[in-house]
N, C-alpha and C. Protein backbone atom coordinates (compact mmCIF):
# COMPACT_ATOMS: atom_id res chain seq x y z
N UNK A 1 -8.19 -24.95 5.69
CA UNK A 1 -7.96 -23.54 6.03
C UNK A 1 -7.72 -22.74 4.75
N UNK A 2 -8.30 -21.53 4.67
CA UNK A 2 -8.07 -20.70 3.48
C UNK A 2 -6.62 -20.24 3.41
N UNK A 3 -6.18 -19.96 2.20
CA UNK A 3 -4.82 -19.47 1.99
C UNK A 3 -4.73 -17.96 2.11
N UNK A 4 -5.83 -17.33 2.49
CA UNK A 4 -5.86 -15.88 2.70
C UNK A 4 -6.24 -15.61 4.15
N UNK A 5 -6.06 -14.35 4.57
CA UNK A 5 -6.45 -13.93 5.92
C UNK A 5 -7.67 -13.03 5.85
N UNK A 6 -8.66 -13.29 6.69
CA UNK A 6 -9.83 -12.42 6.83
C UNK A 6 -10.09 -12.20 8.31
N UNK A 7 -10.18 -10.96 8.73
CA UNK A 7 -10.49 -10.67 10.13
C UNK A 7 -11.86 -11.22 10.49
N UNK A 8 -12.02 -11.62 11.72
CA UNK A 8 -13.26 -12.26 12.16
C UNK A 8 -14.49 -11.36 12.04
N UNK A 9 -14.28 -10.05 11.94
CA UNK A 9 -15.42 -9.14 11.80
C UNK A 9 -15.89 -9.01 10.35
N UNK A 10 -15.17 -9.58 9.40
CA UNK A 10 -15.52 -9.46 7.99
C UNK A 10 -16.40 -10.63 7.55
N UNK A 11 -17.15 -10.39 6.47
CA UNK A 11 -18.03 -11.41 5.89
C UNK A 11 -17.55 -11.75 4.49
N UNK A 12 -17.24 -13.04 4.27
CA UNK A 12 -16.87 -13.53 2.96
C UNK A 12 -17.98 -14.47 2.53
N UNK A 13 -18.83 -14.05 1.60
CA UNK A 13 -19.96 -14.87 1.20
C UNK A 13 -19.52 -16.07 0.38
N UNK A 14 -20.28 -17.15 0.50
CA UNK A 14 -20.00 -18.34 -0.29
C UNK A 14 -20.10 -18.00 -1.78
N UNK A 15 -19.11 -18.46 -2.53
CA UNK A 15 -19.07 -18.15 -3.95
C UNK A 15 -18.09 -17.06 -4.30
N UNK A 16 -17.56 -16.34 -3.30
CA UNK A 16 -16.48 -15.38 -3.55
C UNK A 16 -15.18 -16.15 -3.71
N UNK A 17 -14.29 -15.67 -4.58
CA UNK A 17 -13.01 -16.31 -4.82
C UNK A 17 -11.91 -15.36 -4.35
N UNK A 18 -11.09 -15.83 -3.41
CA UNK A 18 -10.04 -15.01 -2.81
C UNK A 18 -8.69 -15.67 -3.07
N UNK A 19 -7.74 -14.92 -3.61
CA UNK A 19 -6.43 -15.47 -3.93
C UNK A 19 -5.55 -15.64 -2.71
N UNK A 20 -4.55 -16.50 -2.86
CA UNK A 20 -3.61 -16.78 -1.78
C UNK A 20 -2.84 -15.53 -1.39
N UNK A 21 -2.61 -15.37 -0.08
CA UNK A 21 -1.83 -14.27 0.43
C UNK A 21 -2.58 -12.96 0.57
N UNK A 22 -3.84 -12.93 0.21
CA UNK A 22 -4.65 -11.71 0.35
C UNK A 22 -5.03 -11.51 1.81
N UNK A 23 -5.07 -10.24 2.25
CA UNK A 23 -5.44 -9.90 3.61
C UNK A 23 -6.66 -8.99 3.60
N UNK A 24 -7.67 -9.38 4.37
CA UNK A 24 -8.94 -8.66 4.43
C UNK A 24 -9.17 -8.25 5.88
N UNK A 25 -9.20 -6.97 6.13
CA UNK A 25 -9.21 -6.48 7.51
C UNK A 25 -10.63 -6.19 7.99
N UNK A 26 -10.78 -5.40 9.05
CA UNK A 26 -12.01 -5.28 9.82
C UNK A 26 -13.21 -4.81 8.99
N UNK A 27 -14.35 -5.45 9.22
CA UNK A 27 -15.67 -4.99 8.75
C UNK A 27 -15.80 -4.94 7.23
N UNK A 28 -15.09 -5.80 6.53
CA UNK A 28 -15.24 -5.88 5.07
C UNK A 28 -16.35 -6.87 4.71
N UNK A 29 -16.89 -6.72 3.51
CA UNK A 29 -17.93 -7.63 3.01
C UNK A 29 -17.62 -7.95 1.55
N UNK A 30 -17.40 -9.24 1.27
CA UNK A 30 -17.13 -9.70 -0.09
C UNK A 30 -18.31 -10.56 -0.52
N UNK A 31 -19.00 -10.17 -1.59
CA UNK A 31 -20.24 -10.83 -1.99
C UNK A 31 -19.96 -12.00 -2.95
N UNK A 32 -20.96 -12.89 -3.13
CA UNK A 32 -20.78 -14.04 -4.02
C UNK A 32 -20.42 -13.60 -5.44
N UNK A 33 -19.51 -14.34 -6.06
CA UNK A 33 -19.13 -14.05 -7.43
C UNK A 33 -18.02 -13.04 -7.58
N UNK A 34 -17.67 -12.34 -6.50
CA UNK A 34 -16.52 -11.43 -6.54
C UNK A 34 -15.24 -12.26 -6.64
N UNK A 35 -14.25 -11.72 -7.35
CA UNK A 35 -12.99 -12.43 -7.54
C UNK A 35 -11.84 -11.50 -7.17
N UNK A 36 -11.07 -11.89 -6.15
CA UNK A 36 -9.90 -11.14 -5.72
C UNK A 36 -8.66 -11.96 -6.01
N UNK A 37 -7.63 -11.33 -6.54
CA UNK A 37 -6.39 -12.02 -6.87
C UNK A 37 -5.53 -12.28 -5.65
N UNK A 38 -4.29 -12.61 -5.91
CA UNK A 38 -3.34 -12.95 -4.86
C UNK A 38 -2.66 -11.70 -4.30
N UNK A 39 -2.32 -11.78 -3.02
CA UNK A 39 -1.51 -10.76 -2.34
C UNK A 39 -2.13 -9.37 -2.40
N UNK A 40 -3.46 -9.33 -2.32
CA UNK A 40 -4.15 -8.04 -2.19
C UNK A 40 -4.24 -7.67 -0.72
N UNK A 41 -4.51 -6.40 -0.45
CA UNK A 41 -4.69 -5.93 0.91
C UNK A 41 -5.90 -5.01 0.96
N UNK A 42 -6.92 -5.40 1.73
CA UNK A 42 -8.15 -4.62 1.87
C UNK A 42 -8.19 -4.02 3.26
N UNK A 43 -8.26 -2.69 3.35
CA UNK A 43 -8.35 -2.02 4.63
C UNK A 43 -9.73 -2.16 5.25
N UNK A 44 -9.96 -1.40 6.28
CA UNK A 44 -11.22 -1.49 7.03
C UNK A 44 -12.41 -1.01 6.20
N UNK A 45 -13.55 -1.73 6.35
CA UNK A 45 -14.84 -1.30 5.79
C UNK A 45 -14.83 -1.22 4.27
N UNK A 46 -14.27 -2.24 3.63
CA UNK A 46 -14.27 -2.33 2.16
C UNK A 46 -15.42 -3.25 1.75
N UNK A 47 -16.17 -2.84 0.72
CA UNK A 47 -17.29 -3.63 0.20
C UNK A 47 -17.01 -3.99 -1.25
N UNK A 48 -17.10 -5.28 -1.57
CA UNK A 48 -16.89 -5.76 -2.93
C UNK A 48 -18.16 -6.46 -3.38
N UNK A 49 -18.84 -5.91 -4.38
CA UNK A 49 -20.11 -6.46 -4.83
C UNK A 49 -19.88 -7.64 -5.78
N UNK A 50 -20.94 -8.39 -6.03
CA UNK A 50 -20.87 -9.56 -6.90
C UNK A 50 -20.31 -9.19 -8.27
N UNK A 51 -19.49 -10.10 -8.80
CA UNK A 51 -18.94 -10.04 -10.16
C UNK A 51 -17.87 -8.98 -10.35
N UNK A 52 -17.48 -8.29 -9.29
CA UNK A 52 -16.31 -7.41 -9.38
C UNK A 52 -15.07 -8.28 -9.54
N UNK A 53 -14.15 -7.85 -10.39
CA UNK A 53 -12.91 -8.60 -10.63
C UNK A 53 -11.73 -7.73 -10.19
N UNK A 54 -10.89 -8.30 -9.33
CA UNK A 54 -9.72 -7.59 -8.80
C UNK A 54 -8.49 -8.45 -9.06
N UNK A 55 -7.44 -7.85 -9.62
CA UNK A 55 -6.22 -8.58 -9.95
C UNK A 55 -5.34 -8.84 -8.75
N UNK A 56 -4.07 -9.12 -9.02
CA UNK A 56 -3.09 -9.41 -7.98
C UNK A 56 -2.45 -8.13 -7.45
N UNK A 57 -2.03 -8.20 -6.19
CA UNK A 57 -1.24 -7.13 -5.57
C UNK A 57 -1.96 -5.78 -5.62
N UNK A 58 -3.25 -5.80 -5.37
CA UNK A 58 -4.06 -4.57 -5.35
C UNK A 58 -4.18 -4.10 -3.91
N UNK A 59 -3.97 -2.81 -3.68
CA UNK A 59 -4.09 -2.21 -2.35
C UNK A 59 -5.36 -1.37 -2.32
N UNK A 60 -6.31 -1.73 -1.44
CA UNK A 60 -7.57 -1.01 -1.31
C UNK A 60 -7.64 -0.45 0.10
N UNK A 61 -7.66 0.85 0.22
CA UNK A 61 -7.65 1.50 1.53
C UNK A 61 -9.06 1.55 2.12
N UNK A 62 -9.16 2.10 3.34
CA UNK A 62 -10.42 2.09 4.09
C UNK A 62 -11.58 2.75 3.34
N UNK A 63 -12.77 2.18 3.56
CA UNK A 63 -14.04 2.79 3.14
C UNK A 63 -14.21 2.90 1.63
N UNK A 64 -13.75 1.89 0.90
CA UNK A 64 -13.93 1.85 -0.54
C UNK A 64 -14.97 0.80 -0.89
N UNK A 65 -15.92 1.15 -1.76
CA UNK A 65 -16.94 0.22 -2.26
C UNK A 65 -16.77 0.04 -3.76
N UNK A 66 -16.71 -1.21 -4.19
CA UNK A 66 -16.58 -1.53 -5.61
C UNK A 66 -17.83 -2.28 -6.05
N UNK A 67 -18.53 -1.74 -7.05
CA UNK A 67 -19.82 -2.26 -7.46
C UNK A 67 -19.71 -3.06 -8.75
N UNK A 68 -20.71 -3.90 -8.98
CA UNK A 68 -20.75 -4.75 -10.18
C UNK A 68 -20.45 -3.92 -11.43
N UNK A 69 -19.54 -4.42 -12.24
CA UNK A 69 -19.10 -3.72 -13.44
C UNK A 69 -17.70 -3.16 -13.34
N UNK A 70 -17.14 -3.14 -12.12
CA UNK A 70 -15.80 -2.61 -11.93
C UNK A 70 -14.78 -3.74 -12.09
N UNK A 71 -13.73 -3.46 -12.86
CA UNK A 71 -12.62 -4.39 -13.05
C UNK A 71 -11.33 -3.66 -12.65
N UNK A 72 -10.60 -4.25 -11.72
CA UNK A 72 -9.36 -3.67 -11.23
C UNK A 72 -8.22 -4.61 -11.63
N UNK A 73 -7.28 -4.13 -12.43
CA UNK A 73 -6.17 -4.98 -12.85
C UNK A 73 -5.07 -5.02 -11.79
N UNK A 74 -3.98 -5.73 -12.08
CA UNK A 74 -2.90 -5.93 -11.13
C UNK A 74 -2.25 -4.62 -10.71
N UNK A 75 -1.73 -4.61 -9.47
CA UNK A 75 -0.85 -3.54 -8.96
C UNK A 75 -1.53 -2.17 -8.87
N UNK A 76 -2.84 -2.16 -8.71
CA UNK A 76 -3.59 -0.90 -8.59
C UNK A 76 -3.65 -0.48 -7.12
N UNK A 77 -3.62 0.83 -6.88
CA UNK A 77 -3.80 1.41 -5.54
C UNK A 77 -5.09 2.22 -5.54
N UNK A 78 -5.98 1.90 -4.59
CA UNK A 78 -7.23 2.66 -4.41
C UNK A 78 -7.18 3.34 -3.06
N UNK A 79 -7.14 4.68 -3.07
CA UNK A 79 -6.97 5.45 -1.85
C UNK A 79 -8.22 5.47 -0.98
N UNK A 80 -8.07 5.95 0.26
CA UNK A 80 -9.18 5.94 1.22
C UNK A 80 -10.41 6.68 0.70
N UNK A 81 -11.56 6.02 0.82
CA UNK A 81 -12.86 6.63 0.53
C UNK A 81 -13.03 7.07 -0.91
N UNK A 82 -12.22 6.54 -1.84
CA UNK A 82 -12.50 6.84 -3.25
C UNK A 82 -13.79 6.14 -3.65
N UNK A 83 -14.45 6.67 -4.68
CA UNK A 83 -15.82 6.26 -5.01
C UNK A 83 -15.90 5.82 -6.46
N UNK A 84 -16.58 4.67 -6.67
CA UNK A 84 -16.88 4.19 -8.02
C UNK A 84 -18.40 4.11 -8.17
N UNK A 85 -18.90 4.45 -9.34
CA UNK A 85 -20.33 4.28 -9.62
C UNK A 85 -20.50 3.24 -10.72
N UNK A 86 -21.73 2.75 -10.91
CA UNK A 86 -21.98 1.86 -12.05
C UNK A 86 -23.26 2.20 -12.81
N UNK A 87 -23.92 3.29 -12.43
CA UNK A 87 -25.09 3.80 -13.15
C UNK A 87 -24.96 5.32 -13.22
N UNK A 88 -25.25 5.89 -14.39
CA UNK A 88 -25.09 7.34 -14.53
C UNK A 88 -26.34 8.11 -14.14
N UNK A 89 -27.51 7.46 -14.14
CA UNK A 89 -28.76 8.17 -13.82
C UNK A 89 -29.62 7.37 -12.85
N UNK A 90 -29.12 7.11 -11.64
CA UNK A 90 -29.87 6.27 -10.70
C UNK A 90 -31.15 6.92 -10.21
N UNK A 91 -32.17 6.09 -10.03
CA UNK A 91 -33.42 6.46 -9.38
C UNK A 91 -33.83 5.32 -8.45
N UNK A 92 -34.25 5.68 -7.26
CA UNK A 92 -34.63 4.64 -6.30
C UNK A 92 -35.77 3.77 -6.80
N UNK A 93 -36.72 4.35 -7.55
CA UNK A 93 -37.91 3.62 -7.98
C UNK A 93 -37.72 2.85 -9.28
N UNK A 94 -36.55 2.99 -9.93
CA UNK A 94 -36.34 2.35 -11.22
C UNK A 94 -35.18 1.38 -11.13
N UNK A 95 -35.43 0.11 -11.48
CA UNK A 95 -34.40 -0.91 -11.47
C UNK A 95 -33.54 -0.78 -12.73
N UNK A 96 -32.26 -0.48 -12.56
CA UNK A 96 -31.36 -0.32 -13.69
C UNK A 96 -30.22 -1.35 -13.67
N UNK A 97 -30.50 -2.53 -13.09
CA UNK A 97 -29.47 -3.56 -13.02
C UNK A 97 -28.96 -3.96 -14.40
N UNK A 98 -29.80 -3.87 -15.40
CA UNK A 98 -29.40 -4.25 -16.76
C UNK A 98 -28.63 -3.14 -17.47
N UNK A 99 -28.48 -2.01 -16.80
CA UNK A 99 -27.84 -0.85 -17.43
C UNK A 99 -26.50 -0.50 -16.79
N UNK A 100 -25.96 -1.40 -15.96
CA UNK A 100 -24.67 -1.12 -15.35
C UNK A 100 -23.62 -0.86 -16.43
N UNK A 101 -22.79 0.15 -16.21
CA UNK A 101 -21.73 0.48 -17.14
C UNK A 101 -20.38 0.08 -16.53
N UNK A 102 -19.53 -0.58 -17.31
CA UNK A 102 -18.26 -1.06 -16.75
C UNK A 102 -17.26 0.08 -16.55
N UNK A 103 -16.40 -0.12 -15.59
CA UNK A 103 -15.25 0.75 -15.37
C UNK A 103 -14.02 -0.15 -15.23
N UNK A 104 -12.97 0.15 -15.96
CA UNK A 104 -11.75 -0.65 -15.91
C UNK A 104 -10.61 0.24 -15.42
N UNK A 105 -9.90 -0.25 -14.41
CA UNK A 105 -8.71 0.43 -13.92
C UNK A 105 -7.52 -0.45 -14.29
N UNK A 106 -6.67 0.05 -15.17
CA UNK A 106 -5.59 -0.76 -15.74
C UNK A 106 -4.40 -0.88 -14.79
N UNK A 107 -3.51 -1.77 -15.16
CA UNK A 107 -2.37 -2.12 -14.32
C UNK A 107 -1.61 -0.90 -13.79
N UNK A 108 -1.33 -0.91 -12.48
CA UNK A 108 -0.44 0.06 -11.88
C UNK A 108 -1.02 1.43 -11.61
N UNK A 109 -2.29 1.66 -11.94
CA UNK A 109 -2.89 2.98 -11.72
C UNK A 109 -3.09 3.25 -10.23
N UNK A 110 -3.13 4.52 -9.86
CA UNK A 110 -3.41 4.95 -8.49
C UNK A 110 -4.59 5.90 -8.49
N UNK A 111 -5.52 5.67 -7.57
CA UNK A 111 -6.68 6.55 -7.39
C UNK A 111 -6.55 7.19 -6.02
N UNK A 112 -6.52 8.51 -5.95
CA UNK A 112 -6.30 9.21 -4.70
C UNK A 112 -7.51 9.21 -3.78
N UNK A 113 -7.26 9.60 -2.53
CA UNK A 113 -8.30 9.64 -1.51
C UNK A 113 -9.48 10.50 -1.95
N UNK A 114 -10.68 10.00 -1.74
CA UNK A 114 -11.98 10.66 -2.01
C UNK A 114 -12.22 10.99 -3.48
N UNK A 115 -11.36 10.54 -4.38
CA UNK A 115 -11.63 10.75 -5.81
C UNK A 115 -12.89 10.00 -6.20
N UNK A 116 -13.58 10.50 -7.22
CA UNK A 116 -14.80 9.86 -7.72
C UNK A 116 -14.59 9.47 -9.17
N UNK A 117 -14.88 8.19 -9.47
CA UNK A 117 -14.74 7.68 -10.83
C UNK A 117 -16.14 7.37 -11.36
N UNK A 118 -16.63 8.18 -12.29
CA UNK A 118 -17.93 7.95 -12.90
C UNK A 118 -17.82 6.78 -13.87
N UNK A 119 -18.81 5.92 -13.86
CA UNK A 119 -18.74 4.66 -14.61
C UNK A 119 -18.66 4.89 -16.12
N UNK A 120 -18.17 3.85 -16.81
CA UNK A 120 -18.16 3.85 -18.26
C UNK A 120 -16.83 4.16 -18.89
N UNK A 121 -15.80 4.41 -18.09
CA UNK A 121 -14.49 4.77 -18.63
C UNK A 121 -13.42 3.76 -18.28
N UNK A 122 -12.23 3.99 -18.85
CA UNK A 122 -11.05 3.19 -18.56
C UNK A 122 -9.95 4.09 -18.04
N UNK A 123 -9.41 3.75 -16.88
CA UNK A 123 -8.28 4.46 -16.30
C UNK A 123 -7.02 3.74 -16.80
N UNK A 124 -6.17 4.45 -17.52
CA UNK A 124 -5.03 3.83 -18.19
C UNK A 124 -3.96 3.33 -17.24
N UNK A 125 -3.04 2.55 -17.81
CA UNK A 125 -1.93 1.99 -17.04
C UNK A 125 -1.09 3.09 -16.40
N UNK A 126 -0.83 2.93 -15.12
CA UNK A 126 0.03 3.82 -14.35
C UNK A 126 -0.47 5.26 -14.31
N UNK A 127 -1.73 5.46 -14.66
CA UNK A 127 -2.33 6.79 -14.47
C UNK A 127 -2.41 7.10 -12.98
N UNK A 128 -2.52 8.37 -12.66
CA UNK A 128 -2.57 8.83 -11.27
C UNK A 128 -3.69 9.85 -11.15
N UNK A 129 -4.75 9.49 -10.42
CA UNK A 129 -5.89 10.37 -10.19
C UNK A 129 -5.70 11.02 -8.82
N UNK A 130 -5.58 12.34 -8.79
CA UNK A 130 -5.31 13.05 -7.55
C UNK A 130 -6.47 13.00 -6.57
N UNK A 131 -6.16 13.25 -5.31
CA UNK A 131 -7.16 13.25 -4.25
C UNK A 131 -8.29 14.23 -4.59
N UNK A 132 -9.53 13.77 -4.45
CA UNK A 132 -10.68 14.62 -4.63
C UNK A 132 -11.08 14.88 -6.07
N UNK A 133 -10.35 14.36 -7.03
CA UNK A 133 -10.68 14.59 -8.44
C UNK A 133 -11.96 13.84 -8.81
N UNK A 134 -12.64 14.33 -9.83
CA UNK A 134 -13.84 13.67 -10.36
C UNK A 134 -13.57 13.34 -11.82
N UNK A 135 -13.51 12.03 -12.12
CA UNK A 135 -13.14 11.56 -13.45
C UNK A 135 -14.38 11.05 -14.16
N UNK A 136 -14.60 11.55 -15.36
CA UNK A 136 -15.67 11.04 -16.21
C UNK A 136 -15.09 10.78 -17.59
N UNK A 137 -15.02 9.53 -17.97
CA UNK A 137 -14.46 9.18 -19.26
C UNK A 137 -13.11 8.51 -19.12
N UNK A 138 -12.47 8.29 -20.26
CA UNK A 138 -11.21 7.57 -20.31
C UNK A 138 -10.05 8.46 -19.85
N UNK A 139 -9.05 7.80 -19.28
CA UNK A 139 -7.83 8.47 -18.82
C UNK A 139 -6.65 7.81 -19.51
N UNK A 140 -5.75 8.58 -20.13
CA UNK A 140 -4.60 7.98 -20.82
C UNK A 140 -3.63 7.30 -19.84
N UNK A 141 -2.84 6.37 -20.37
CA UNK A 141 -1.74 5.80 -19.60
C UNK A 141 -0.84 6.92 -19.08
N UNK A 142 -0.39 6.78 -17.84
CA UNK A 142 0.57 7.68 -17.21
C UNK A 142 0.06 9.10 -16.96
N UNK A 143 -1.22 9.36 -17.19
CA UNK A 143 -1.74 10.72 -17.01
C UNK A 143 -1.89 11.06 -15.53
N UNK A 144 -1.56 12.27 -15.17
CA UNK A 144 -1.87 12.83 -13.85
C UNK A 144 -3.13 13.65 -13.99
N UNK A 145 -4.20 13.21 -13.33
CA UNK A 145 -5.52 13.83 -13.46
C UNK A 145 -5.86 14.57 -12.17
N UNK A 146 -6.15 15.87 -12.30
CA UNK A 146 -6.45 16.71 -11.15
C UNK A 146 -7.70 17.54 -11.41
N UNK A 147 -8.45 17.83 -10.34
CA UNK A 147 -9.52 18.81 -10.42
C UNK A 147 -10.91 18.23 -10.60
N UNK A 148 -11.88 19.17 -10.64
CA UNK A 148 -13.30 18.83 -10.80
C UNK A 148 -13.87 19.73 -11.89
N UNK A 149 -14.16 19.19 -13.07
CA UNK A 149 -13.87 17.82 -13.50
C UNK A 149 -12.37 17.62 -13.70
N UNK A 150 -11.93 16.37 -13.64
CA UNK A 150 -10.50 16.09 -13.74
C UNK A 150 -9.99 16.33 -15.16
N UNK A 151 -8.82 16.95 -15.23
CA UNK A 151 -8.13 17.15 -16.51
C UNK A 151 -6.68 16.72 -16.35
N UNK A 152 -6.07 16.34 -17.46
CA UNK A 152 -4.67 15.94 -17.36
C UNK A 152 -3.80 17.15 -17.06
N UNK A 153 -3.10 17.09 -15.92
CA UNK A 153 -2.23 18.17 -15.51
C UNK A 153 -0.81 17.96 -16.00
N UNK A 154 -0.40 16.69 -16.04
CA UNK A 154 0.97 16.36 -16.41
C UNK A 154 1.02 14.86 -16.68
N UNK A 155 2.24 14.32 -16.74
CA UNK A 155 2.44 12.88 -16.83
C UNK A 155 3.09 12.39 -15.54
N UNK A 156 2.81 11.13 -15.20
CA UNK A 156 3.42 10.50 -14.02
C UNK A 156 4.23 9.29 -14.47
N UNK A 157 5.35 9.05 -13.80
CA UNK A 157 6.16 7.89 -14.12
C UNK A 157 5.60 6.63 -13.46
N UNK A 158 6.12 5.49 -13.87
CA UNK A 158 5.68 4.23 -13.27
C UNK A 158 6.00 4.18 -11.78
N UNK A 159 7.00 4.92 -11.36
CA UNK A 159 7.40 4.93 -9.96
C UNK A 159 6.67 6.00 -9.15
N UNK A 160 5.70 6.67 -9.78
CA UNK A 160 4.83 7.59 -9.06
C UNK A 160 5.38 8.98 -8.88
N UNK A 161 6.16 9.47 -9.83
CA UNK A 161 6.71 10.82 -9.76
C UNK A 161 6.28 11.62 -10.98
N UNK A 162 5.97 12.90 -10.74
CA UNK A 162 5.59 13.79 -11.84
C UNK A 162 6.77 13.94 -12.79
N UNK A 163 6.50 13.75 -14.07
CA UNK A 163 7.55 13.85 -15.06
C UNK A 163 7.75 15.30 -15.51
N UNK A 164 8.98 15.71 -15.80
CA UNK A 164 9.23 17.05 -16.33
C UNK A 164 8.59 17.20 -17.72
N UNK A 165 8.41 18.43 -18.18
CA UNK A 165 7.89 18.63 -19.54
C UNK A 165 8.76 17.91 -20.57
N UNK A 166 8.12 17.38 -21.60
CA UNK A 166 8.89 16.67 -22.63
C UNK A 166 9.73 17.66 -23.43
N UNK A 167 10.87 17.18 -23.92
CA UNK A 167 11.73 18.00 -24.74
C UNK A 167 11.27 18.02 -26.19
N UNK A 168 12.04 18.67 -27.04
CA UNK A 168 11.70 18.75 -28.46
C UNK A 168 11.65 17.38 -29.11
N UNK A 169 12.40 16.44 -28.54
CA UNK A 169 12.40 15.07 -29.07
C UNK A 169 11.29 14.22 -28.48
N UNK A 170 10.44 14.84 -27.64
CA UNK A 170 9.35 14.10 -27.03
C UNK A 170 9.74 13.29 -25.82
N UNK A 171 10.99 13.40 -25.37
CA UNK A 171 11.50 12.58 -24.28
C UNK A 171 11.41 13.32 -22.95
N UNK A 172 11.04 12.59 -21.92
CA UNK A 172 11.11 13.09 -20.55
C UNK A 172 11.68 11.98 -19.68
N UNK A 173 12.33 12.36 -18.57
CA UNK A 173 13.05 11.39 -17.74
C UNK A 173 12.52 11.47 -16.31
N UNK A 174 12.22 10.31 -15.75
CA UNK A 174 11.75 10.26 -14.36
C UNK A 174 12.86 10.72 -13.42
N UNK A 175 12.59 11.71 -12.55
CA UNK A 175 13.63 12.21 -11.66
C UNK A 175 14.03 11.21 -10.58
N UNK A 176 13.22 10.19 -10.38
CA UNK A 176 13.48 9.20 -9.33
C UNK A 176 14.24 7.99 -9.88
N UNK A 177 13.76 7.44 -11.00
CA UNK A 177 14.32 6.19 -11.51
C UNK A 177 15.33 6.38 -12.62
N UNK A 178 15.26 7.52 -13.31
CA UNK A 178 16.10 7.73 -14.48
C UNK A 178 15.56 7.09 -15.75
N UNK A 179 14.37 6.48 -15.66
CA UNK A 179 13.79 5.85 -16.85
C UNK A 179 13.31 6.92 -17.83
N UNK A 180 13.36 6.58 -19.11
CA UNK A 180 12.99 7.48 -20.19
C UNK A 180 11.57 7.18 -20.67
N UNK A 181 10.85 8.24 -20.98
CA UNK A 181 9.50 8.15 -21.52
C UNK A 181 9.42 9.03 -22.77
N UNK A 182 8.57 8.60 -23.71
CA UNK A 182 8.42 9.38 -24.94
C UNK A 182 6.95 9.62 -25.23
N UNK A 183 6.64 10.89 -25.53
CA UNK A 183 5.27 11.27 -25.88
C UNK A 183 5.17 11.42 -27.40
N UNK A 184 4.18 10.74 -27.98
CA UNK A 184 3.89 10.86 -29.40
C UNK A 184 2.39 10.91 -29.58
N UNK A 185 1.91 11.98 -30.23
CA UNK A 185 0.49 12.16 -30.53
C UNK A 185 -0.37 12.02 -29.27
N UNK A 186 0.11 12.61 -28.17
CA UNK A 186 -0.66 12.61 -26.93
C UNK A 186 -0.63 11.30 -26.16
N UNK A 187 0.23 10.38 -26.57
CA UNK A 187 0.37 9.09 -25.90
C UNK A 187 1.78 8.98 -25.33
N UNK A 188 1.89 8.58 -24.05
CA UNK A 188 3.19 8.43 -23.42
C UNK A 188 3.51 6.95 -23.27
N UNK A 189 4.76 6.60 -23.56
CA UNK A 189 5.24 5.22 -23.41
C UNK A 189 6.59 5.23 -22.71
N UNK A 190 6.81 4.18 -21.92
CA UNK A 190 8.09 4.00 -21.25
C UNK A 190 9.05 3.32 -22.22
N UNK A 191 10.26 3.85 -22.35
CA UNK A 191 11.24 3.29 -23.27
C UNK A 191 12.14 2.25 -22.61
N UNK A 192 12.15 2.20 -21.29
CA UNK A 192 13.10 1.34 -20.59
C UNK A 192 12.49 0.05 -20.04
N UNK A 193 11.18 -0.07 -20.13
CA UNK A 193 10.52 -1.29 -19.64
C UNK A 193 9.16 -1.39 -20.31
N UNK A 194 8.79 -2.58 -20.75
CA UNK A 194 7.53 -2.77 -21.47
C UNK A 194 6.35 -2.32 -20.61
N UNK A 195 5.42 -1.57 -21.22
CA UNK A 195 4.30 -1.00 -20.48
C UNK A 195 3.39 -2.06 -19.87
N UNK A 196 3.31 -3.24 -20.47
CA UNK A 196 2.41 -4.27 -19.98
C UNK A 196 3.10 -5.28 -19.08
N UNK A 197 4.34 -4.98 -18.67
CA UNK A 197 5.07 -5.87 -17.77
C UNK A 197 5.17 -5.25 -16.38
N UNK A 198 5.04 -6.06 -15.31
CA UNK A 198 5.26 -5.52 -13.97
C UNK A 198 6.71 -5.12 -13.77
N UNK A 199 6.95 -4.29 -12.77
CA UNK A 199 8.33 -3.94 -12.45
C UNK A 199 9.10 -5.20 -12.04
N UNK A 200 10.40 -5.22 -12.26
CA UNK A 200 11.19 -6.38 -11.83
C UNK A 200 11.02 -6.62 -10.34
N UNK A 201 11.04 -7.87 -9.93
CA UNK A 201 10.89 -8.21 -8.51
C UNK A 201 11.99 -7.55 -7.71
N UNK A 202 11.58 -6.86 -6.64
CA UNK A 202 12.55 -6.17 -5.78
C UNK A 202 12.96 -4.81 -6.28
N UNK A 203 12.51 -4.41 -7.47
CA UNK A 203 12.90 -3.11 -8.03
C UNK A 203 12.10 -2.01 -7.37
N UNK A 204 12.77 -1.00 -6.81
CA UNK A 204 12.09 0.16 -6.24
C UNK A 204 12.54 1.46 -6.91
N UNK A 205 13.64 1.41 -7.64
CA UNK A 205 14.16 2.62 -8.26
C UNK A 205 14.23 2.54 -9.77
N UNK A 206 14.08 1.34 -10.35
CA UNK A 206 14.19 1.20 -11.78
C UNK A 206 15.61 1.25 -12.28
N UNK A 207 16.58 1.09 -11.37
CA UNK A 207 17.99 1.16 -11.76
C UNK A 207 18.64 -0.19 -11.55
């Protein structure tokens, strides 16, 4: 018996790798060569193409398709009907399989409902792409991206709250957790917990 759950209406092709504790709900399709980590949750009608890599504890909401070239790191949230591409100039009559461009979504990032991520960029750690935004290119860590085309509106904390403007010392404090962040040369870093480490087990407030 597999160590993951898949609803009977879903198709898991031979050669797909699914981590323990992952849940795959109605009408999903996971193709050969796709790799899903542990304790992920896939909502209804999710499609994962061959060679897509998904980390641990990733939440994928309904109607999301991930195509070859997409890499999703740990603790990422993908909102309902958000869109990823892997070719910038598709034509039905021209085979561009050799021209797929990678897209990387780094640890802890959130992609809002119906947002579109154009291929070839990296979404930084704990970045937050607002609902309906269209992202083309790289996104800094902790950036809040809004609009069409998406631009950085503000910074977001690891706990998912908009950070106040930085002070003269470059410091801003999350209103939810009390954690401190510092901006230097357009780069934001958390001072209270290493950026490449997951939150402590059971931590919801950072206190």
